[in-house]
PDB file of N, CA and C in Angstrom:
ATOM      1  N   UNK A   1     -13.177  30.482  -2.551  1.00  0.00           N
ATOM      2  CA  UNK A   1     -13.120  30.143  -3.952  1.00  0.00           C
ATOM      3  C   UNK A   1     -12.666  28.634  -4.079  1.00  0.00           C
ATOM      4  N   UNK A   2     -13.387  27.871  -4.769  1.00  0.00           N
ATOM      5  CA  UNK A   2     -12.995  26.489  -5.039  1.00  0.00           C
ATOM      6  C   UNK A   2     -12.262  26.349  -6.335  1.00  0.00           C
ATOM      7  N   UNK A   3     -11.376  25.372  -6.391  1.00  0.00           N
ATOM      8  CA  UNK A   3     -10.558  25.180  -7.631  1.00  0.00           C
ATOM      9  C   UNK A   3     -11.064  24.004  -8.425  1.00  0.00           C
ATOM     10  N   UNK A   4     -12.066  23.310  -7.987  1.00  0.00           N
ATOM     11  CA  UNK A   4     -12.580  22.147  -8.696  1.00  0.00           C
ATOM     12  C   UNK A   4     -13.313  21.195  -7.785  1.00  0.00           C
ATOM     13  N   UNK A   5     -13.805  20.100  -8.317  1.00  0.00           N
ATOM     14  CA  UNK A   5     -14.547  19.177  -7.472  1.00  0.00           C
ATOM     15  C   UNK A   5     -13.625  18.591  -6.398  1.00  0.00           C
ATOM     16  N   UNK A   6     -14.185  18.369  -5.236  1.00  0.00           N
ATOM     17  CA  UNK A   6     -13.443  17.739  -4.165  1.00  0.00           C
ATOM     18  C   UNK A   6     -13.509  16.206  -4.292  1.00  0.00           C
ATOM     19  N   UNK A   7     -12.312  15.603  -4.278  1.00  0.00           N
ATOM     20  CA  UNK A   7     -12.289  14.150  -4.330  1.00  0.00           C
ATOM     21  C   UNK A   7     -11.821  13.684  -2.949  1.00  0.00           C
ATOM     22  N   UNK A   8     -12.690  12.957  -2.249  1.00  0.00           N
ATOM     23  CA  UNK A   8     -12.395  12.470  -0.923  1.00  0.00           C
ATOM     24  C   UNK A   8     -11.365  11.360  -0.990  1.00  0.00           C
ATOM     25  N   UNK A   9     -10.258  11.533  -0.280  1.00  0.00           N
ATOM     26  CA  UNK A   9      -9.190  10.563  -0.235  1.00  0.00           C
ATOM     27  C   UNK A   9      -9.340   9.720   1.010  1.00  0.00           C
ATOM     28  N   UNK A  10      -9.004   8.419   0.945  1.00  0.00           N
ATOM     29  CA  UNK A  10      -9.088   7.593   2.155  1.00  0.00           C
ATOM     30  C   UNK A  10      -7.977   8.031   3.118  1.00  0.00           C
ATOM     31  N   UNK A  11      -8.244   7.928   4.417  1.00  0.00           N
ATOM     32  CA  UNK A  11      -7.172   8.295   5.351  1.00  0.00           C
ATOM     33  C   UNK A  11      -6.010   7.334   5.246  1.00  0.00           C
ATOM     34  N   UNK A  12      -4.777   7.798   5.419  1.00  0.00           N
ATOM     35  CA  UNK A  12      -3.620   6.948   5.304  1.00  0.00           C
ATOM     36  C   UNK A  12      -3.628   5.907   6.401  1.00  0.00           C
ATOM     37  N   UNK A  13      -4.331   6.149   7.528  1.00  0.00           N
ATOM     38  CA  UNK A  13      -4.336   5.143   8.604  1.00  0.00           C
ATOM     39  C   UNK A  13      -5.203   3.944   8.230  1.00  0.00           C
ATOM     40  N   UNK A  14      -6.069   4.036   7.250  1.00  0.00           N
ATOM     41  CA  UNK A  14      -6.920   2.947   6.870  1.00  0.00           C
ATOM     42  C   UNK A  14      -6.228   2.166   5.750  1.00  0.00           C
ATOM     43  N   UNK A  15      -6.006   0.858   5.944  1.00  0.00           N
ATOM     44  CA  UNK A  15      -5.355   0.079   4.912  1.00  0.00           C
ATOM     45  C   UNK A  15      -6.182  -0.084   3.630  1.00  0.00           C
ATOM     46  N   UNK A  16      -5.525  -0.323   2.518  1.00  0.00           N
ATOM     47  CA  UNK A  16      -6.254  -0.598   1.274  1.00  0.00           C
ATOM     48  C   UNK A  16      -7.280  -1.734   1.497  1.00  0.00           C
ATOM     49  N   UNK A  17      -8.409  -1.603   0.844  1.00  0.00           N
ATOM     50  CA  UNK A  17      -9.491  -2.556   1.003  1.00  0.00           C
ATOM     51  C   UNK A  17      -9.160  -3.897   0.242  1.00  0.00           C
ATOM     52  N   UNK A  18      -9.690  -4.973   0.814  1.00  0.00           N
ATOM     53  CA  UNK A  18      -9.620  -6.274   0.137  1.00  0.00           C
ATOM     54  C   UNK A  18     -10.906  -6.531  -0.597  1.00  0.00           C
ATOM     55  N   UNK A  19     -10.810  -7.186  -1.749  1.00  0.00           N
ATOM     56  CA  UNK A  19     -12.026  -7.670  -2.399  1.00  0.00           C
ATOM     57  C   UNK A  19     -12.545  -8.911  -1.657  1.00  0.00           C
ATOM     58  N   UNK A  20     -13.791  -9.262  -1.892  1.00  0.00           N
ATOM     59  CA  UNK A  20     -14.435 -10.400  -1.177  1.00  0.00           C
ATOM     60  C   UNK A  20     -13.680 -11.715  -1.311  1.00  0.00           C
ATOM     61  N   UNK A  21     -13.019 -11.929  -2.484  1.00  0.00           N
ATOM     62  CA  UNK A  21     -12.344 -13.165  -2.726  1.00  0.00           C
ATOM     63  C   UNK A  21     -10.849 -13.179  -2.337  1.00  0.00           C
ATOM     64  N   UNK A  22     -10.402 -12.094  -1.655  1.00  0.00           N
ATOM     65  CA  UNK A  22      -8.991 -11.970  -1.288  1.00  0.00           C
ATOM     66  C   UNK A  22      -8.863 -12.305   0.205  1.00  0.00           C
ATOM     67  N   UNK A  23      -7.679 -12.822   0.553  1.00  0.00           N
ATOM     68  CA  UNK A  23      -7.368 -13.187   1.962  1.00  0.00           C
ATOM     69  C   UNK A  23      -6.161 -12.375   2.408  1.00  0.00           C
ATOM     70  N   UNK A  24      -6.213 -11.850   3.606  1.00  0.00           N
ATOM     71  CA  UNK A  24      -5.081 -11.037   4.149  1.00  0.00           C
ATOM     72  C   UNK A  24      -3.926 -11.992   4.486  1.00  0.00           C
ATOM     73  N   UNK A  25      -2.767 -11.657   3.977  1.00  0.00           N
ATOM     74  CA  UNK A  25      -1.542 -12.458   4.292  1.00  0.00           C
ATOM     75  C   UNK A  25      -0.689 -11.722   5.313  1.00  0.00           C
ATOM     76  N   UNK A  26      -0.803 -10.421   5.417  1.00  0.00           N
ATOM     77  CA  UNK A  26      -0.039  -9.655   6.391  1.00  0.00           C
ATOM     78  C   UNK A  26      -0.387  -8.168   6.312  1.00  0.00           C
ATOM     79  N   UNK A  27      -0.148  -7.463   7.386  1.00  0.00           N
ATOM     80  CA  UNK A  27      -0.485  -6.027   7.372  1.00  0.00           C
ATOM     81  C   UNK A  27       0.485  -5.277   8.267  1.00  0.00           C
ATOM     82  N   UNK A  28       0.919  -4.130   7.818  1.00  0.00           N
ATOM     83  CA  UNK A  28       1.866  -3.246   8.584  1.00  0.00           C
ATOM     84  C   UNK A  28       1.101  -2.055   9.038  1.00  0.00           C
ATOM     85  N   UNK A  29       1.175  -1.723  10.308  1.00  0.00           N
ATOM     86  CA  UNK A  29       0.557  -0.496  10.870  1.00  0.00           C
ATOM     87  C   UNK A  29       1.261   0.747  10.262  1.00  0.00           C
ATOM     88  N   UNK A  30       0.689   1.897  10.490  1.00  0.00           N
ATOM     89  CA  UNK A  30       1.257   3.161  10.004  1.00  0.00           C
ATOM     90  C   UNK A  30       2.697   3.207  10.451  1.00  0.00           C
ATOM     91  N   UNK A  31       3.576   3.489   9.487  1.00  0.00           N
ATOM     92  CA  UNK A  31       4.993   3.439   9.705  1.00  0.00           C
ATOM     93  C   UNK A  31       5.715   4.650   9.095  1.00  0.00           C
ATOM     94  N   UNK A  32       6.730   5.148   9.760  1.00  0.00           N
ATOM     95  CA  UNK A  32       7.577   6.148   9.204  1.00  0.00           C
ATOM     96  C   UNK A  32       8.989   5.634   9.198  1.00  0.00           C
ATOM     97  N   UNK A  33       9.756   5.902   8.147  1.00  0.00           N
ATOM     98  CA  UNK A  33      11.102   5.358   8.067  1.00  0.00           C
ATOM     99  C   UNK A  33      11.106   3.940   7.500  1.00  0.00           C
ATOM    100  N   UNK A  34      12.144   3.187   7.809  1.00  0.00           N
ATOM    101  CA  UNK A  34      12.278   1.842   7.267  1.00  0.00           C
ATOM    102  C   UNK A  34      11.433   0.866   8.046  1.00  0.00           C
ATOM    103  N   UNK A  35      10.915  -0.172   7.364  1.00  0.00           N
ATOM    104  CA  UNK A  35      10.153  -1.203   7.976  1.00  0.00           C
ATOM    105  C   UNK A  35      10.125  -2.473   7.094  1.00  0.00           C
ATOM    106  N   UNK A  36       9.869  -3.593   7.669  1.00  0.00           N
ATOM    107  CA  UNK A  36       9.655  -4.800   6.905  1.00  0.00           C
ATOM    108  C   UNK A  36       8.504  -5.557   7.535  1.00  0.00           C
ATOM    109  N   UNK A  37       7.941  -6.451   6.724  1.00  0.00           N
ATOM    110  CA  UNK A  37       6.760  -7.177   7.210  1.00  0.00           C
ATOM    111  C   UNK A  37       6.879  -8.626   6.696  1.00  0.00           C
ATOM    112  N   UNK A  38       6.509  -9.580   7.488  1.00  0.00           N
ATOM    113  CA  UNK A  38       6.450 -10.951   7.038  1.00  0.00           C
ATOM    114  C   UNK A  38       5.031 -11.245   6.700  1.00  0.00           C
ATOM    115  N   UNK A  39       4.823 -12.147   5.749  1.00  0.00           N
ATOM    116  CA  UNK A  39       3.439 -12.541   5.349  1.00  0.00           C
ATOM    117  C   UNK A  39       3.378 -14.049   5.300  1.00  0.00           C
ATOM    118  N   UNK A  40       2.138 -14.538   5.452  1.00  0.00           N
ATOM    119  CA  UNK A  40       1.940 -15.986   5.428  1.00  0.00           C
ATOM    120  C   UNK A  40       1.959 -16.495   4.020  1.00  0.00           C
ATOM    121  N   UNK A  41       2.295 -17.789   3.923  1.00  0.00           N
ATOM    122  CA  UNK A  41       2.358 -18.436   2.597  1.00  0.00           C
ATOM    123  C   UNK A  41       0.927 -18.749   2.114  1.00  0.00           C
ATOM    124  N   UNK A  42       0.725 -18.479   0.860  1.00  0.00           N
ATOM    125  CA  UNK A  42      -0.538 -18.804   0.245  1.00  0.00           C
ATOM    126  C   UNK A  42      -0.554 -20.150  -0.425  1.00  0.00           C
ATOM    127  N   UNK A  43      -1.660 -20.513  -0.973  1.00  0.00           N
ATOM    128  CA  UNK A  43      -1.823 -21.790  -1.652  1.00  0.00           C
ATOM    129  C   UNK A  43      -1.181 -21.733  -3.037  1.00  0.00           C
ATOM    130  N   UNK A  44      -0.642 -22.800  -3.522  1.00  0.00           N
ATOM    131  CA  UNK A  44      -0.022 -22.840  -4.821  1.00  0.00           C
ATOM    132  C   UNK A  44      -1.064 -22.390  -5.855  1.00  0.00           C
ATOM    133  N   UNK A  45      -0.652 -21.527  -6.788  1.00  0.00           N
ATOM    134  CA  UNK A  45      -1.520 -21.015  -7.791  1.00  0.00           C
ATOM    135  C   UNK A  45      -2.257 -19.716  -7.440  1.00  0.00           C
ATOM    136  N   UNK A  46      -2.236 -19.308  -6.180  1.00  0.00           N
ATOM    137  CA  UNK A  46      -2.911 -18.087  -5.763  1.00  0.00           C
ATOM    138  C   UNK A  46      -1.995 -16.906  -6.114  1.00  0.00           C
ATOM    139  N   UNK A  47      -2.605 -15.780  -6.371  1.00  0.00           N
ATOM    140  CA  UNK A  47      -1.854 -14.549  -6.699  1.00  0.00           C
ATOM    141  C   UNK A  47      -1.542 -13.836  -5.345  1.00  0.00           C
ATOM    142  N   UNK A  48      -0.384 -13.200  -5.297  1.00  0.00           N
ATOM    143  CA  UNK A  48       0.000 -12.359  -4.224  1.00  0.00           C
ATOM    144  C   UNK A  48      -0.261 -10.926  -4.634  1.00  0.00           C
ATOM    145  N   UNK A  49      -1.077 -10.149  -3.954  1.00  0.00           N
ATOM    146  CA  UNK A  49      -1.361  -8.800  -4.272  1.00  0.00           C
ATOM    147  C   UNK A  49      -0.750  -7.922  -3.155  1.00  0.00           C
ATOM    148  N   UNK A  50       0.099  -7.008  -3.515  1.00  0.00           N
ATOM    149  CA  UNK A  50       0.737  -6.099  -2.550  1.00  0.00           C
ATOM    150  C   UNK A  50       0.100  -4.707  -2.764  1.00  0.00           C
ATOM    151  N   UNK A  51      -0.490  -4.175  -1.710  1.00  0.00           N
ATOM    152  CA  UNK A  51      -1.086  -2.865  -1.772  1.00  0.00           C
ATOM    153  C   UNK A  51      -0.460  -1.960  -0.711  1.00  0.00           C
ATOM    154  N   UNK A  52      -0.050  -0.772  -1.047  1.00  0.00           N
ATOM    155  CA  UNK A  52       0.530   0.145  -0.079  1.00  0.00           C
ATOM    156  C   UNK A  52      -0.146   1.563  -0.219  1.00  0.00           C
ATOM    157  N   UNK A  53      -0.191   2.284   0.889  1.00  0.00           N
ATOM    158  CA  UNK A  53      -0.783   3.563   0.894  1.00  0.00           C
ATOM    159  C   UNK A  53       0.201   4.510   1.601  1.00  0.00           C
ATOM    160  N   UNK A  54       0.394   5.736   1.019  1.00  0.00           N
ATOM    161  CA  UNK A  54       1.317   6.669   1.646  1.00  0.00           C
ATOM    162  C   UNK A  54       0.715   8.062   1.642  1.00  0.00           C
ATOM    163  N   UNK A  55       1.278   8.937   2.470  1.00  0.00           N
ATOM    164  CA  UNK A  55       0.870  10.352   2.540  1.00  0.00           C
ATOM    165  C   UNK A  55       2.058  11.204   2.820  1.00  0.00           C
ATOM    166  N   UNK A  56       2.159  12.277   2.057  1.00  0.00           N
ATOM    167  CA  UNK A  56       3.289  13.207   2.237  1.00  0.00           C
ATOM    168  C   UNK A  56       4.372  12.961   1.206  1.00  0.00           C
ATOM    169  N   UNK A  57       5.210  13.941   1.021  1.00  0.00           N
ATOM    170  CA  UNK A  57       6.293  13.894   0.029  1.00  0.00           C
ATOM    171  C   UNK A  57       7.299  12.826   0.367  1.00  0.00           C
ATOM    172  N   UNK A  58       7.637  12.004  -0.604  1.00  0.00           N
ATOM    173  CA  UNK A  58       8.665  10.982  -0.421  1.00  0.00           C
ATOM    174  C   UNK A  58       8.389   9.785  -1.300  1.00  0.00           C
ATOM    175  N   UNK A  59       8.974   8.652  -0.948  1.00  0.00           N
ATOM    176  CA  UNK A  59       8.690   7.480  -1.762  1.00  0.00           C
ATOM    177  C   UNK A  59       8.759   6.243  -0.875  1.00  0.00           C
ATOM    178  N   UNK A  60       8.076   5.172  -1.285  1.00  0.00           N
ATOM    179  CA  UNK A  60       8.121   3.860  -0.615  1.00  0.00           C
ATOM    180  C   UNK A  60       8.799   2.931  -1.642  1.00  0.00           C
ATOM    181  N   UNK A  61       9.797   2.235  -1.231  1.00  0.00           N
ATOM    182  CA  UNK A  61      10.412   1.235  -2.048  1.00  0.00           C
ATOM    183  C   UNK A  61       9.978  -0.137  -1.519  1.00  0.00           C
ATOM    184  N   UNK A  62       9.210  -0.867  -2.318  1.00  0.00           N
ATOM    185  CA  UNK A  62       8.680  -2.161  -1.963  1.00  0.00           C
ATOM    186  C   UNK A  62       9.483  -3.271  -2.650  1.00  0.00           C
ATOM    187  N   UNK A  63       9.908  -4.269  -1.895  1.00  0.00           N
ATOM    188  CA  UNK A  63      10.616  -5.402  -2.404  1.00  0.00           C
ATOM    189  C   UNK A  63       9.992  -6.669  -1.824  1.00  0.00           C
ATOM    190  N   UNK A  64       9.502  -7.553  -2.662  1.00  0.00           N
ATOM    191  CA  UNK A  64       8.953  -8.828  -2.249  1.00  0.00           C
ATOM    192  C   UNK A  64       9.954  -9.877  -2.756  1.00  0.00           C
ATOM    193  N   UNK A  65      10.918 -10.146  -1.937  1.00  0.00           N
ATOM    194  CA  UNK A  65      12.121 -10.983  -2.419  1.00  0.00           C
ATOM    195  C   UNK A  65      11.649 -12.413  -2.759  1.00  0.00           C
ATOM    196  N   UNK A  66      10.667 -12.945  -2.080  1.00  0.00           N
ATOM    197  CA  UNK A  66      10.291 -14.339  -2.295  1.00  0.00           C
ATOM    198  C   UNK A  66       9.744 -14.564  -3.720  1.00  0.00           C
ATOM    199  N   UNK A  67       9.240 -13.547  -4.348  1.00  0.00           N
ATOM    200  CA  UNK A  67       8.684 -13.638  -5.733  1.00  0.00           C
ATOM    201  C   UNK A  67       9.444 -12.738  -6.684  1.00  0.00           C
ATOM    202  N   UNK A  68      10.605 -12.162  -6.242  1.00  0.00           N
ATOM    203  CA  UNK A  68      11.462 -11.365  -7.099  1.00  0.00           C
ATOM    204  C   UNK A  68      10.713 -10.174  -7.720  1.00  0.00           C
ATOM    205  N   UNK A  69       9.995  -9.420  -6.904  1.00  0.00           N
ATOM    206  CA  UNK A  69       9.202  -8.312  -7.381  1.00  0.00           C
ATOM    207  C   UNK A  69       9.613  -7.074  -6.549  1.00  0.00           C
ATOM    208  N   UNK A  70       9.756  -5.900  -7.230  1.00  0.00           N
ATOM    209  CA  UNK A  70       9.971  -4.672  -6.515  1.00  0.00           C
ATOM    210  C   UNK A  70       9.362  -3.530  -7.282  1.00  0.00           C
ATOM    211  N   UNK A  71       8.991  -2.482  -6.544  1.00  0.00           N
ATOM    212  CA  UNK A  71       8.459  -1.300  -7.200  1.00  0.00           C
ATOM    213  C   UNK A  71       8.587  -0.097  -6.250  1.00  0.00           C
ATOM    214  N   UNK A  72       8.469   1.091  -6.792  1.00  0.00           N
ATOM    215  CA  UNK A  72       8.540   2.313  -5.987  1.00  0.00           C
ATOM    216  C   UNK A  72       7.223   3.019  -6.104  1.00  0.00           C
ATOM    217  N   UNK A  73       6.704   3.548  -4.994  1.00  0.00           N
ATOM    218  CA  UNK A  73       5.505   4.347  -4.969  1.00  0.00           C
ATOM    219  C   UNK A  73       5.963   5.755  -4.596  1.00  0.00           C
ATOM    220  N   UNK A  74       5.822   6.737  -5.514  1.00  0.00           N
ATOM    221  CA  UNK A  74       6.139   8.080  -5.231  1.00  0.00           C
ATOM    222  C   UNK A  74       4.971   8.712  -4.509  1.00  0.00           C
ATOM    223  N   UNK A  75       5.225   9.300  -3.328  1.00  0.00           N
ATOM    224  CA  UNK A  75       4.211   9.911  -2.492  1.00  0.00           C
ATOM    225  C   UNK A  75       4.264  11.381  -2.663  1.00  0.00           C
ATOM    226  N   UNK A  76       3.110  12.023  -2.789  1.00  0.00           N
ATOM    227  CA  UNK A  76       3.000  13.435  -3.036  1.00  0.00           C
ATOM    228  C   UNK A  76       2.565  14.210  -1.789  1.00  0.00           C
ATOM    229  N   UNK A  77       3.121  15.394  -1.621  1.00  0.00           N
ATOM    230  CA  UNK A  77       2.745  16.226  -0.488  1.00  0.00           C
ATOM    231  C   UNK A  77       1.282  16.538  -0.587  1.00  0.00           C
ATOM    232  N   UNK A  78       0.564  16.439   0.515  1.00  0.00           N
ATOM    233  CA  UNK A  78      -0.861  16.799   0.578  1.00  0.00           C
ATOM    234  C   UNK A  78      -1.787  15.801  -0.055  1.00  0.00           C
ATOM    235  N   UNK A  79      -1.260  14.611  -0.456  1.00  0.00           N
ATOM    236  CA  UNK A  79      -2.142  13.617  -1.075  1.00  0.00           C
ATOM    237  C   UNK A  79      -1.901  12.268  -0.412  1.00  0.00           C
ATOM    238  N   UNK A  80      -2.964  11.437  -0.440  1.00  0.00           N
ATOM    239  CA  UNK A  80      -2.866  10.030  -0.061  1.00  0.00           C
ATOM    240  C   UNK A  80      -2.805   9.201  -1.347  1.00  0.00           C
ATOM    241  N   UNK A  81      -1.748   8.406  -1.487  1.00  0.00           N
ATOM    242  CA  UNK A  81      -1.567   7.598  -2.694  1.00  0.00           C
ATOM    243  C   UNK A  81      -1.676   6.162  -2.345  1.00  0.00           C
ATOM    244  N   UNK A  82      -2.329   5.373  -3.211  1.00  0.00           N
ATOM    245  CA  UNK A  82      -2.440   3.939  -3.040  1.00  0.00           C
ATOM    246  C   UNK A  82      -2.076   3.228  -4.319  1.00  0.00           C
ATOM    247  N   UNK A  83      -1.249   2.208  -4.169  1.00  0.00           N
ATOM    248  CA  UNK A  83      -0.829   1.354  -5.313  1.00  0.00           C
ATOM    249  C   UNK A  83      -0.963  -0.047  -4.896  1.00  0.00           C
TER     250      UNK A  83
END
């Protein structure tokens, strides 16, 4: 018995996709527990986009201190979440 349409989720091991006009500044491999990552400096006037993906119950607390931004991504059991 199905409960509704199946929505294919990206695997958590695959990083969020970049648009054609975006440049990768840094990337963290699959991680459990605490982690930090350094990223390269962009050109003045360029936007910094932070994308994270998680799987399983919990949360990711993201802090980008250089631009005074932070957010929390709540991760759900059985789902892959991307923000």
